[in-house]
Amino acid sequence: MAKVSARTYSRYSREAMTLLGKLIRAARIERKMTAQEVAERAGISRGLLQRIEKGDPKCELGATFEVAALVGIKLFDIEATTLNGHIRQTEDKLALLPRSVRKKVKVVDDDF
């Protein structure tokens, strides 16, 4: 049997997930869309949509982003047409940074 581990989230993360879920629910209701309609358009179950709207941290990130896009929530403060430009800028920045980060090993001088 698989080991069950309790994952903890910071208060900020929990509150951000709750806020996103409530924003998704409000936008869906404002657009007069049923939970079943949104779930079908997103290709997910109605139960998963309900968990997303409650801010469940175990929901798939891609499904959450897709639902947010379907109901018209902007996840970033930029237009969709400029996302590719931002992606390229970030890729350029990543190309200049080292591929991995390693901590330096402290050499202990234990000669007394």
N, C-alpha and C. Protein backbone atom coordinates (compact mmCIF):
# COMPACT_ATOMS: atom_id res chain seq x y z
N MET A 1 0.83 -1.17 0.00
CA MET A 1 0.00 0.00 0.00
C MET A 1 0.89 1.25 0.00
N ALA A 2 0.50 2.25 -0.75
CA ALA A 2 1.27 3.48 -0.85
C ALA A 2 1.23 4.25 0.46
N LYS A 3 2.35 4.89 0.75
CA LYS A 3 2.45 5.67 1.97
C LYS A 3 1.72 7.01 1.77
N VAL A 4 0.84 7.33 2.69
CA VAL A 4 0.10 8.58 2.62
C VAL A 4 0.89 9.65 3.39
N SER A 5 1.21 10.72 2.71
CA SER A 5 1.95 11.78 3.39
C SER A 5 1.06 13.02 3.47
N ALA A 6 1.12 13.66 4.59
CA ALA A 6 0.34 14.88 4.79
C ALA A 6 1.14 16.06 4.25
N ARG A 7 0.63 16.70 3.26
CA ARG A 7 1.30 17.85 2.65
C ARG A 7 0.79 19.11 3.32
N THR A 8 1.69 19.98 3.68
CA THR A 8 1.27 21.23 4.28
C THR A 8 1.49 22.37 3.30
N TYR A 9 0.64 23.38 3.39
CA TYR A 9 0.73 24.55 2.52
C TYR A 9 0.80 25.79 3.40
N SER A 10 1.51 26.79 2.93
CA SER A 10 1.59 28.03 3.68
C SER A 10 0.22 28.71 3.68
N ARG A 11 0.03 29.62 4.62
CA ARG A 11 -1.23 30.35 4.68
C ARG A 11 -1.46 31.11 3.38
N TYR A 12 -0.41 31.73 2.86
CA TYR A 12 -0.53 32.49 1.61
C TYR A 12 -1.02 31.59 0.48
N SER A 13 -0.44 30.38 0.36
CA SER A 13 -0.85 29.46 -0.70
C SER A 13 -2.31 29.04 -0.53
N ARG A 14 -2.69 28.71 0.68
CA ARG A 14 -4.08 28.30 0.93
C ARG A 14 -5.06 29.42 0.60
N GLU A 15 -4.72 30.64 1.03
CA GLU A 15 -5.61 31.78 0.76
C GLU A 15 -5.66 32.09 -0.74
N ALA A 16 -4.53 31.96 -1.44
CA ALA A 16 -4.52 32.22 -2.88
C ALA A 16 -5.37 31.20 -3.62
N MET A 17 -5.31 29.93 -3.21
CA MET A 17 -6.13 28.89 -3.86
C MET A 17 -7.61 29.12 -3.58
N THR A 18 -7.93 29.53 -2.35
CA THR A 18 -9.32 29.83 -2.01
C THR A 18 -9.83 31.01 -2.82
N LEU A 19 -9.01 32.05 -2.93
CA LEU A 19 -9.40 33.23 -3.72
C LEU A 19 -9.64 32.87 -5.17
N LEU A 20 -8.72 32.12 -5.77
CA LEU A 20 -8.89 31.73 -7.18
C LEU A 20 -10.17 30.91 -7.35
N GLY A 21 -10.44 30.00 -6.45
CA GLY A 21 -11.65 29.20 -6.53
C GLY A 21 -12.91 30.05 -6.46
N LYS A 22 -12.92 31.01 -5.54
CA LYS A 22 -14.09 31.89 -5.41
C LYS A 22 -14.24 32.80 -6.63
N LEU A 23 -13.11 33.27 -7.20
CA LEU A 23 -13.17 34.08 -8.42
C LEU A 23 -13.74 33.27 -9.58
N ILE A 24 -13.33 32.01 -9.68
CA ILE A 24 -13.85 31.14 -10.75
C ILE A 24 -15.35 30.94 -10.58
N ARG A 25 -15.78 30.64 -9.37
CA ARG A 25 -17.21 30.43 -9.12
C ARG A 25 -18.02 31.69 -9.43
N ALA A 26 -17.54 32.85 -8.98
CA ALA A 26 -18.25 34.11 -9.22
C ALA A 26 -18.34 34.40 -10.72
N ALA A 27 -17.25 34.20 -11.44
CA ALA A 27 -17.24 34.46 -12.88
C ALA A 27 -18.18 33.51 -13.61
N ARG A 28 -18.20 32.25 -13.18
CA ARG A 28 -19.10 31.27 -13.80
C ARG A 28 -20.56 31.68 -13.60
N ILE A 29 -20.90 32.09 -12.39
CA ILE A 29 -22.28 32.48 -12.09
C ILE A 29 -22.65 33.77 -12.82
N GLU A 30 -21.72 34.73 -12.87
CA GLU A 30 -21.99 35.98 -13.61
C GLU A 30 -22.25 35.71 -15.08
N ARG A 31 -21.58 34.72 -15.64
CA ARG A 31 -21.77 34.38 -17.06
C ARG A 31 -22.96 33.44 -17.27
N LYS A 32 -23.65 33.14 -16.16
CA LYS A 32 -24.84 32.27 -16.19
C LYS A 32 -24.53 30.90 -16.80
N MET A 33 -23.39 30.35 -16.40
CA MET A 33 -22.98 29.03 -16.86
C MET A 33 -23.18 28.04 -15.72
N THR A 34 -23.73 26.88 -16.03
CA THR A 34 -23.89 25.85 -15.00
C THR A 34 -22.55 25.15 -14.78
N ALA A 35 -22.45 24.51 -13.63
CA ALA A 35 -21.24 23.76 -13.33
C ALA A 35 -21.04 22.64 -14.35
N GLN A 36 -22.12 22.02 -14.78
CA GLN A 36 -22.02 20.94 -15.76
C GLN A 36 -21.50 21.47 -17.10
N GLU A 37 -21.96 22.64 -17.53
CA GLU A 37 -21.49 23.23 -18.79
C GLU A 37 -19.98 23.49 -18.75
N VAL A 38 -19.53 24.11 -17.69
CA VAL A 38 -18.10 24.44 -17.58
C VAL A 38 -17.28 23.17 -17.51
N ALA A 39 -17.74 22.20 -16.74
CA ALA A 39 -17.02 20.94 -16.62
C ALA A 39 -16.89 20.24 -17.96
N GLU A 40 -17.97 20.21 -18.73
CA GLU A 40 -17.94 19.57 -20.05
C GLU A 40 -16.99 20.30 -20.99
N ARG A 41 -17.04 21.63 -20.99
CA ARG A 41 -16.16 22.41 -21.87
C ARG A 41 -14.70 22.25 -21.49
N ALA A 42 -14.43 22.07 -20.19
CA ALA A 42 -13.05 21.91 -19.72
C ALA A 42 -12.59 20.46 -19.83
N GLY A 43 -13.51 19.55 -20.04
CA GLY A 43 -13.16 18.14 -20.14
C GLY A 43 -12.85 17.51 -18.79
N ILE A 44 -13.54 17.98 -17.75
CA ILE A 44 -13.34 17.46 -16.41
C ILE A 44 -14.69 17.07 -15.82
N SER A 45 -14.66 16.41 -14.67
CA SER A 45 -15.92 16.05 -14.01
C SER A 45 -16.46 17.25 -13.23
N ARG A 46 -17.76 17.19 -12.96
CA ARG A 46 -18.38 18.25 -12.18
C ARG A 46 -17.81 18.28 -10.77
N GLY A 47 -17.48 17.12 -10.24
CA GLY A 47 -16.89 17.04 -8.91
C GLY A 47 -15.53 17.74 -8.83
N LEU A 48 -14.71 17.59 -9.89
CA LEU A 48 -13.42 18.28 -9.92
C LEU A 48 -13.63 19.78 -10.00
N LEU A 49 -14.61 20.21 -10.77
CA LEU A 49 -14.91 21.64 -10.84
C LEU A 49 -15.32 22.17 -9.47
N GLN A 50 -16.12 21.42 -8.76
CA GLN A 50 -16.54 21.84 -7.42
C GLN A 50 -15.33 21.94 -6.49
N ARG A 51 -14.40 21.01 -6.59
CA ARG A 51 -13.18 21.06 -5.77
C ARG A 51 -12.33 22.27 -6.14
N ILE A 52 -12.25 22.59 -7.44
CA ILE A 52 -11.50 23.76 -7.89
C ILE A 52 -12.13 25.02 -7.30
N GLU A 53 -13.44 25.11 -7.35
CA GLU A 53 -14.16 26.28 -6.83
C GLU A 53 -14.03 26.41 -5.31
N LYS A 54 -13.77 25.32 -4.63
CA LYS A 54 -13.56 25.36 -3.17
C LYS A 54 -12.11 25.67 -2.81
N GLY A 55 -11.24 25.69 -3.82
CA GLY A 55 -9.83 26.00 -3.56
C GLY A 55 -9.02 24.81 -3.09
N ASP A 56 -9.41 23.62 -3.48
CA ASP A 56 -8.68 22.41 -3.09
C ASP A 56 -7.29 22.43 -3.72
N PRO A 57 -6.23 22.35 -2.90
CA PRO A 57 -4.87 22.44 -3.44
C PRO A 57 -4.43 21.20 -4.21
N LYS A 58 -5.18 20.12 -4.14
CA LYS A 58 -4.78 18.89 -4.81
C LYS A 58 -5.33 18.79 -6.23
N CYS A 59 -6.03 19.81 -6.68
CA CYS A 59 -6.56 19.81 -8.05
C CYS A 59 -5.43 20.05 -9.04
N GLU A 60 -5.56 19.46 -10.20
CA GLU A 60 -4.55 19.60 -11.24
C GLU A 60 -4.45 21.06 -11.69
N LEU A 61 -3.24 21.55 -11.79
CA LEU A 61 -3.00 22.94 -12.15
C LEU A 61 -3.54 23.25 -13.55
N GLY A 62 -3.32 22.36 -14.49
CA GLY A 62 -3.80 22.58 -15.85
C GLY A 62 -5.31 22.69 -15.93
N ALA A 63 -6.00 21.83 -15.17
CA ALA A 63 -7.47 21.88 -15.16
C ALA A 63 -7.94 23.20 -14.54
N THR A 64 -7.28 23.62 -13.48
CA THR A 64 -7.65 24.88 -12.82
C THR A 64 -7.45 26.06 -13.77
N PHE A 65 -6.31 26.10 -14.46
CA PHE A 65 -6.05 27.18 -15.41
C PHE A 65 -7.04 27.16 -16.56
N GLU A 66 -7.41 25.98 -17.04
CA GLU A 66 -8.36 25.87 -18.15
C GLU A 66 -9.74 26.39 -17.73
N VAL A 67 -10.17 26.03 -16.54
CA VAL A 67 -11.47 26.50 -16.04
C VAL A 67 -11.43 28.02 -15.89
N ALA A 68 -10.34 28.55 -15.34
CA ALA A 68 -10.22 30.00 -15.18
C ALA A 68 -10.31 30.69 -16.53
N ALA A 69 -9.65 30.15 -17.54
CA ALA A 69 -9.70 30.75 -18.88
C ALA A 69 -11.11 30.68 -19.46
N LEU A 70 -11.80 29.56 -19.24
CA LEU A 70 -13.16 29.40 -19.78
C LEU A 70 -14.13 30.42 -19.21
N VAL A 71 -13.97 30.77 -17.95
CA VAL A 71 -14.90 31.72 -17.34
C VAL A 71 -14.40 33.16 -17.44
N GLY A 72 -13.24 33.36 -18.07
CA GLY A 72 -12.76 34.71 -18.35
C GLY A 72 -11.88 35.34 -17.29
N ILE A 73 -11.25 34.55 -16.46
CA ILE A 73 -10.36 35.09 -15.43
C ILE A 73 -8.95 35.18 -15.99
N LYS A 74 -8.36 36.38 -15.92
CA LYS A 74 -6.97 36.55 -16.34
C LYS A 74 -6.06 36.14 -15.19
N LEU A 75 -5.18 35.20 -15.45
CA LEU A 75 -4.28 34.72 -14.41
C LEU A 75 -3.06 35.62 -14.26
N PHE A 76 -2.71 36.32 -15.31
CA PHE A 76 -1.57 37.23 -15.27
C PHE A 76 -2.05 38.58 -15.77
N ASP A 77 -1.39 39.62 -15.36
CA ASP A 77 -1.82 40.97 -15.70
C ASP A 77 -1.30 41.38 -17.08
N ILE A 78 -1.44 40.50 -18.05
CA ILE A 78 -1.02 40.78 -19.42
C ILE A 78 -2.05 40.22 -20.38
N GLU A 79 -2.07 40.75 -21.57
CA GLU A 79 -3.00 40.27 -22.58
C GLU A 79 -2.55 38.92 -23.12
N ALA A 80 -3.49 38.12 -23.57
CA ALA A 80 -3.17 36.80 -24.11
C ALA A 80 -2.25 36.89 -25.32
N THR A 81 -2.37 37.98 -26.09
CA THR A 81 -1.54 38.12 -27.28
C THR A 81 -0.07 38.34 -26.94
N THR A 82 0.23 38.81 -25.75
CA THR A 82 1.62 39.07 -25.38
C THR A 82 2.22 37.96 -24.52
N LEU A 83 1.46 36.91 -24.25
CA LEU A 83 2.00 35.80 -23.45
C LEU A 83 3.22 35.18 -24.11
N ASN A 84 3.17 34.99 -25.43
CA ASN A 84 4.31 34.39 -26.13
C ASN A 84 5.56 35.25 -25.98
N GLY A 85 5.41 36.55 -26.02
CA GLY A 85 6.54 37.45 -25.84
C GLY A 85 7.15 37.30 -24.45
N HIS A 86 6.30 37.19 -23.45
CA HIS A 86 6.78 37.01 -22.07
C HIS A 86 7.44 35.65 -21.90
N ILE A 87 6.90 34.64 -22.57
CA ILE A 87 7.51 33.31 -22.51
C ILE A 87 8.91 33.36 -23.11
N ARG A 88 9.05 34.02 -24.26
CA ARG A 88 10.38 34.12 -24.90
C ARG A 88 11.36 34.90 -24.02
N GLN A 89 10.91 35.98 -23.39
CA GLN A 89 11.78 36.75 -22.50
C GLN A 89 12.26 35.90 -21.33
N THR A 90 11.35 35.12 -20.77
CA THR A 90 11.71 34.26 -19.65
C THR A 90 12.67 33.16 -20.10
N GLU A 91 12.46 32.60 -21.29
CA GLU A 91 13.37 31.59 -21.82
C GLU A 91 14.77 32.17 -22.03
N ASP A 92 14.84 33.41 -22.53
CA ASP A 92 16.13 34.08 -22.71
C ASP A 92 16.83 34.27 -21.37
N LYS A 93 16.08 34.66 -20.36
CA LYS A 93 16.65 34.85 -19.03
C LYS A 93 17.16 33.53 -18.47
N LEU A 94 16.36 32.46 -18.63
CA LEU A 94 16.77 31.15 -18.15
C LEU A 94 18.02 30.64 -18.86
N ALA A 95 18.18 31.01 -20.14
CA ALA A 95 19.36 30.58 -20.88
C ALA A 95 20.64 31.19 -20.31
N LEU A 96 20.54 32.35 -19.68
CA LEU A 96 21.70 33.01 -19.10
C LEU A 96 22.03 32.49 -17.70
N LEU A 97 21.08 31.88 -17.05
CA LEU A 97 21.27 31.38 -15.69
C LEU A 97 21.86 29.97 -15.72
N PRO A 98 22.53 29.56 -14.66
CA PRO A 98 23.05 28.18 -14.63
C PRO A 98 21.91 27.17 -14.67
N ARG A 99 22.20 25.99 -15.21
CA ARG A 99 21.17 24.97 -15.34
C ARG A 99 20.74 24.39 -14.00
N SER A 100 21.67 24.34 -13.06
CA SER A 100 21.33 23.81 -11.74
C SER A 100 22.06 24.61 -10.67
N VAL A 101 21.59 24.46 -9.47
CA VAL A 101 22.19 25.17 -8.34
C VAL A 101 22.68 24.13 -7.35
N ARG A 102 23.93 24.26 -6.98
CA ARG A 102 24.49 23.35 -5.98
C ARG A 102 25.10 24.18 -4.87
N LYS A 103 24.88 23.73 -3.65
CA LYS A 103 25.48 24.42 -2.51
C LYS A 103 26.93 24.01 -2.42
N LYS A 104 27.77 24.95 -2.02
CA LYS A 104 29.18 24.65 -1.84
C LYS A 104 29.35 23.80 -0.60
N VAL A 105 30.22 22.84 -0.72
CA VAL A 105 30.50 21.96 0.40
C VAL A 105 31.55 22.63 1.27
N LYS A 106 31.24 22.73 2.55
CA LYS A 106 32.18 23.34 3.49
C LYS A 106 33.28 22.33 3.79
N VAL A 107 34.49 22.77 3.66
CA VAL A 107 35.61 21.92 4.04
C VAL A 107 35.90 22.17 5.50
N VAL A 108 35.84 21.12 6.28
CA VAL A 108 36.05 21.24 7.70
C VAL A 108 37.54 21.02 8.00
N ASP A 109 38.13 21.98 8.66
CA ASP A 109 39.54 21.86 9.07
C ASP A 109 39.54 21.32 10.49
N ASP A 110 39.73 20.01 10.58
CA ASP A 110 39.70 19.40 11.91
C ASP A 110 41.08 19.02 12.43
N ASP A 111 42.11 19.64 11.89
CA ASP A 111 43.47 19.42 12.39
C ASP A 111 43.67 20.31 13.62
N PHE A 112 43.89 19.70 14.73
CA PHE A 112 44.08 20.46 15.95
C PHE A 112 45.53 20.55 16.31
